[in-house]
N, C-alpha and C. Protein backbone atom coordinates (compact mmCIF):
# COMPACT_ATOMS: atom_id res chain seq x y z
N MET A 1 0.64 -0.87 -0.12
CA MET A 1 0.17 -0.16 0.15
C MET A 1 0.85 0.92 -0.01
N ASN A 2 0.58 2.06 -0.86
CA ASN A 2 1.74 3.47 -1.00
C ASN A 2 0.20 4.34 -0.04
N SER A 3 1.74 5.48 0.10
CA SER A 3 0.99 6.94 0.77
C SER A 3 -0.32 7.22 0.22
N ASP A 4 -0.84 7.23 -0.63
CA ASP A 4 -1.92 7.59 -1.71
C ASP A 4 -3.18 6.44 -0.78
N GLU A 5 -2.47 5.30 -0.98
CA GLU A 5 -3.77 4.24 -0.30
C GLU A 5 -3.87 4.11 1.29
N THR A 6 -3.46 4.88 2.09
CA THR A 6 -3.42 4.77 3.59
C THR A 6 -4.98 4.32 3.79
N SER A 7 -4.86 2.83 4.72
CA SER A 7 -6.54 2.57 5.23
C SER A 7 -7.15 3.89 6.16
N ILE A 8 -7.92 3.46 6.06
CA ILE A 8 -9.21 4.26 6.86
C ILE A 8 -8.77 4.09 8.27
N GLU A 9 -7.98 3.30 8.88
CA GLU A 9 -7.72 3.25 10.47
C GLU A 9 -6.58 3.73 10.61
N GLN A 10 -5.83 3.76 9.20
CA GLN A 10 -4.44 4.69 9.63
C GLN A 10 -4.58 6.46 9.12
N ASP A 11 -5.86 6.49 8.41
CA ASP A 11 -6.25 8.14 8.00
C ASP A 11 -7.51 8.50 8.52
N GLY A 12 -7.66 8.63 10.01
CA GLY A 12 -8.77 9.31 9.66
C GLY A 12 -9.09 10.88 10.41
N ASN A 13 -7.71 11.62 10.00
CA ASN A 13 -7.87 12.75 10.29
C ASN A 13 -7.73 13.69 8.62
N TRP A 14 -9.03 14.62 8.44
CA TRP A 14 -8.25 15.50 7.73
C TRP A 14 -7.69 16.43 8.09
N ASP A 15 -6.45 17.14 7.04
CA ASP A 15 -5.41 17.84 6.94
C ASP A 15 -5.64 18.81 5.97
N PRO A 16 -6.70 19.64 6.14
CA PRO A 16 -7.13 21.09 5.20
C PRO A 16 -5.56 21.49 4.25
N LYS A 17 -4.64 21.42 4.92
CA LYS A 17 -3.40 22.03 4.45
C LYS A 17 -2.84 21.24 3.38
N ALA A 18 -3.33 19.63 3.25
CA ALA A 18 -2.37 18.39 2.56
C ALA A 18 -3.72 18.58 1.02
N GLU A 19 -5.08 18.84 1.55
CA GLU A 19 -6.20 18.52 0.45
C GLU A 19 -7.40 19.17 0.78
N THR A 20 -7.92 18.87 -0.13
CA THR A 20 -9.87 19.67 0.05
C THR A 20 -10.18 18.51 0.46
N HIS A 21 -11.03 19.08 1.87
CA HIS A 21 -12.22 18.42 2.12
C HIS A 21 -13.24 16.98 1.48
N GLN A 22 -13.81 17.84 0.30
CA GLN A 22 -13.90 17.01 -0.96
C GLN A 22 -13.38 15.68 -1.22
N ALA A 23 -11.94 15.55 -1.44
CA ALA A 23 -10.96 14.96 -1.87
C ALA A 23 -10.67 13.63 -1.09
N TRP A 24 -10.47 14.43 0.71
CA TRP A 24 -10.83 13.63 1.80
C TRP A 24 -11.56 12.77 2.14
N VAL A 25 -12.58 13.30 1.60
CA VAL A 25 -14.23 12.16 2.18
C VAL A 25 -14.17 11.27 0.70
N LYS A 26 -13.94 12.14 -0.58
CA LYS A 26 -13.77 10.62 -1.86
C LYS A 26 -12.67 9.66 -1.26
N ARG A 27 -11.52 10.08 -1.05
CA ARG A 27 -10.27 8.91 -0.87
C ARG A 27 -10.93 8.04 0.47
N ARG A 28 -11.68 8.63 1.37
CA ARG A 28 -11.63 7.82 2.77
C ARG A 28 -12.81 6.99 1.87
N ALA A 29 -13.55 6.95 1.29
CA ALA A 29 -15.00 6.80 1.04
C ALA A 29 -14.25 4.84 -0.47
N LEU A 30 -13.46 5.40 -0.97
CA LEU A 30 -13.11 4.82 -1.52
C LEU A 30 -11.54 3.86 -0.75
N ALA A 31 -11.38 4.03 -0.16
CA ALA A 31 -10.76 3.25 1.50
C ALA A 31 -11.64 2.39 1.28
N GLY A 32 -12.26 2.86 2.33
CA GLY A 32 -13.70 1.90 2.78
C GLY A 32 -14.32 1.15 1.92
N GLN A 33 -14.58 1.15 0.81
CA GLN A 33 -14.69 0.38 -0.40
C GLN A 33 -13.90 -0.90 -0.49
N ARG A 34 -12.19 -0.28 -0.66
CA ARG A 34 -11.61 -1.14 -0.97
C ARG A 34 -11.29 -2.42 0.40
N ASP A 35 -11.63 -2.02 0.88
CA ASP A 35 -11.34 -2.34 2.52
C ASP A 35 -12.91 -3.41 2.93
N ARG A 36 -13.90 -2.93 2.49
CA ARG A 36 -15.16 -4.07 2.08
C ARG A 36 -14.88 -4.97 1.51
N ARG A 37 -14.30 -4.40 -0.14
CA ARG A 37 -14.19 -5.89 -0.93
C ARG A 37 -12.87 -6.60 -0.19
N ARG A 38 -11.86 -6.15 0.81
CA ARG A 38 -11.35 -7.09 0.73
C ARG A 38 -11.57 -8.23 1.81
N THR A 39 -12.62 -8.08 2.19
CA THR A 39 -13.60 -8.89 2.94
C THR A 39 -14.37 -9.88 2.86
N LEU A 40 -15.46 -9.06 1.95
CA LEU A 40 -16.69 -9.46 1.53
C LEU A 40 -16.72 -10.37 0.37
N ARG A 41 -17.26 -11.53 -0.07
CA ARG A 41 -17.43 -12.06 -1.38
C ARG A 41 -18.64 -11.46 -1.61
N ARG A 42 -18.62 -10.99 -3.23
CA ARG A 42 -19.38 -11.21 -3.94
C ARG A 42 -19.39 -11.48 -5.11
N ILE A 43 -21.12 -11.32 -5.89
CA ILE A 43 -21.52 -12.89 -6.61
C ILE A 43 -21.96 -11.88 -7.74
N GLU A 44 -22.00 -11.87 -8.46
CA GLU A 44 -23.17 -11.28 -9.73
C GLU A 44 -24.09 -12.40 -10.01
N TYR A 45 -24.96 -12.09 -10.15
CA TYR A 45 -26.30 -13.24 -10.18
C TYR A 45 -27.58 -12.71 -11.03
N HIS A 46 -27.57 -13.07 -12.61
CA HIS A 46 -28.71 -12.67 -13.34
C HIS A 46 -29.81 -13.74 -13.25
N PRO A 47 -30.89 -14.07 -12.28
CA PRO A 47 -31.60 -15.30 -12.75
C PRO A 47 -32.51 -15.28 -13.84
N GLY A 48 -32.90 -16.48 -13.91
CA GLY A 48 -33.62 -16.78 -15.09
C GLY A 48 -35.40 -16.48 -14.55
N LYS A 49 -35.90 -16.30 -15.66
CA LYS A 49 -37.55 -16.00 -15.07
C LYS A 49 -38.45 -16.35 -14.04
N ASP A 50 -37.84 -17.89 -14.14
CA ASP A 50 -38.47 -18.71 -13.41
C ASP A 50 -37.80 -18.27 -12.14
N ALA A 51 -36.63 -18.42 -12.01
CA ALA A 51 -35.79 -17.83 -10.79
C ALA A 51 -36.06 -16.70 -10.14
N GLU A 52 -36.41 -16.01 -10.68
CA GLU A 52 -36.73 -14.50 -10.41
C GLU A 52 -38.36 -14.46 -9.36
N ALA A 53 -39.15 -15.43 -10.55
CA ALA A 53 -40.32 -14.92 -9.75
C ALA A 53 -40.67 -15.79 -8.62
N ILE A 54 -39.53 -16.55 -8.11
CA ILE A 54 -39.55 -17.42 -6.82
C ILE A 54 -38.66 -16.80 -5.95
N ILE A 55 -37.79 -16.01 -6.46
CA ILE A 55 -37.36 -15.32 -5.29
C ILE A 55 -38.23 -13.92 -4.98
N ASP A 56 -38.71 -12.65 -5.66
CA ASP A 56 -39.76 -12.41 -5.64
C ASP A 56 -41.05 -12.55 -4.76
N GLN A 57 -41.12 -13.61 -5.09
CA GLN A 57 -42.28 -14.18 -3.76
C GLN A 57 -41.19 -14.40 -2.95
N LEU A 58 -40.32 -14.93 -2.48
CA LEU A 58 -39.56 -14.57 -0.61
C LEU A 58 -39.33 -13.62 -0.24
N VAL A 59 -39.22 -12.27 -1.39
CA VAL A 59 -38.34 -11.42 -0.99
C VAL A 59 -39.76 -10.32 0.45
N ARG A 60 -39.76 -10.36 1.40
CA ARG A 60 -40.46 -9.58 1.92
C ARG A 60 -40.44 -8.01 2.34
N PRO A 61 -40.63 -7.31 1.26
CA PRO A 61 -40.04 -5.77 1.43
C PRO A 61 -40.54 -4.88 2.87
N PHE A 62 -41.81 -5.39 3.51
CA PHE A 62 -42.34 -4.44 4.62
C PHE A 62 -40.88 -5.14 5.56
N ALA A 63 -40.21 -6.47 5.91
CA ALA A 63 -39.62 -6.60 6.56
C ALA A 63 -38.11 -6.49 6.17
N GLN A 64 -38.14 -5.63 5.18
CA GLN A 64 -36.80 -4.96 4.61
C GLN A 64 -36.02 -6.20 4.66
N GLN A 65 -36.34 -7.29 3.75
CA GLN A 65 -35.45 -8.02 3.41
C GLN A 65 -34.96 -8.09 2.18
N SER A 66 -34.13 -8.18 2.06
CA SER A 66 -33.50 -7.88 0.43
C SER A 66 -33.02 -9.31 0.08
N TYR A 67 -32.62 -9.04 -1.37
CA TYR A 67 -32.62 -10.51 -2.33
C TYR A 67 -31.29 -11.03 -1.62
N SER A 68 -30.18 -9.77 -1.13
CA SER A 68 -29.39 -11.20 -0.56
C SER A 68 -29.60 -12.18 0.36
N GLU A 69 -30.22 -11.40 0.99
CA GLU A 69 -31.06 -12.25 2.30
C GLU A 69 -31.71 -13.91 1.79
N VAL A 70 -32.44 -13.44 0.73
CA VAL A 70 -33.30 -14.14 0.54
C VAL A 70 -32.39 -15.72 -0.12
N LEU A 71 -31.63 -14.96 -1.38
CA LEU A 71 -30.64 -16.13 -1.71
C LEU A 71 -29.48 -16.67 -0.68
N ASP A 72 -29.27 -15.94 0.11
CA ASP A 72 -28.51 -16.93 1.69
C ASP A 72 -29.91 -17.82 2.17
N GLN A 73 -30.69 -17.56 2.20
CA GLN A 73 -31.89 -18.38 2.77
C GLN A 73 -31.55 -19.59 1.54
N ILE A 74 -31.82 -19.50 0.03
CA ILE A 74 -31.97 -20.45 -0.17
C ILE A 74 -31.17 -21.45 -0.30
N VAL A 75 -29.80 -20.93 0.01
CA VAL A 75 -28.52 -21.86 -0.58
C VAL A 75 -28.26 -22.19 0.89
N VAL A 76 -28.33 -22.09 2.05
CA VAL A 76 -28.88 -22.40 3.13
C VAL A 76 -29.23 -24.44 3.16
N GLU A 77 -30.65 -23.69 3.15
CA GLU A 77 -31.68 -24.48 2.84
C GLU A 77 -31.41 -25.88 1.68
N TRP A 78 -30.87 -25.24 0.71
CA TRP A 78 -30.58 -26.50 -0.32
C TRP A 78 -29.32 -27.10 0.28
N ALA A 79 -28.39 -26.53 0.73
CA ALA A 79 -27.39 -26.85 1.61
C ALA A 79 -27.79 -28.10 2.66
N ALA A 80 -28.63 -27.77 3.42
CA ALA A 80 -29.23 -28.40 4.45
C ALA A 80 -30.14 -29.77 4.08
N SER A 81 -30.32 -29.93 2.46
CA SER A 81 -31.53 -31.20 2.13
C SER A 81 -30.44 -32.09 1.59
N GLY A 82 -28.92 -31.53 1.56
CA GLY A 82 -27.96 -32.61 1.25
C GLY A 82 -28.31 -32.87 -0.15
N ILE A 83 -28.92 -31.74 -0.92
CA ILE A 83 -29.12 -32.17 -2.68
C ILE A 83 -27.49 -31.65 -2.94
N GLU A 84 -27.25 -32.19 -3.97
CA GLU A 84 -25.81 -31.66 -4.57
C GLU A 84 -25.91 -31.41 -5.57
């Protein structure tokens, strides 16, 4: 990691002599995104029409449930069923 890529933990304070506040906010946001991507798995998934219909039936927006939570539930239940 070079000096421009300091992690959020190392770079918490804004120095107005070094950069604009807007540049600092953007740099911290990008550093946070890099940190998240280093630790979180991301899978891009485009379901077919049949799968999309099933997923839409399982999503409960009033319970603030996301598509990721529904897919997690499907994968866990599938694995628990012993289906290969």
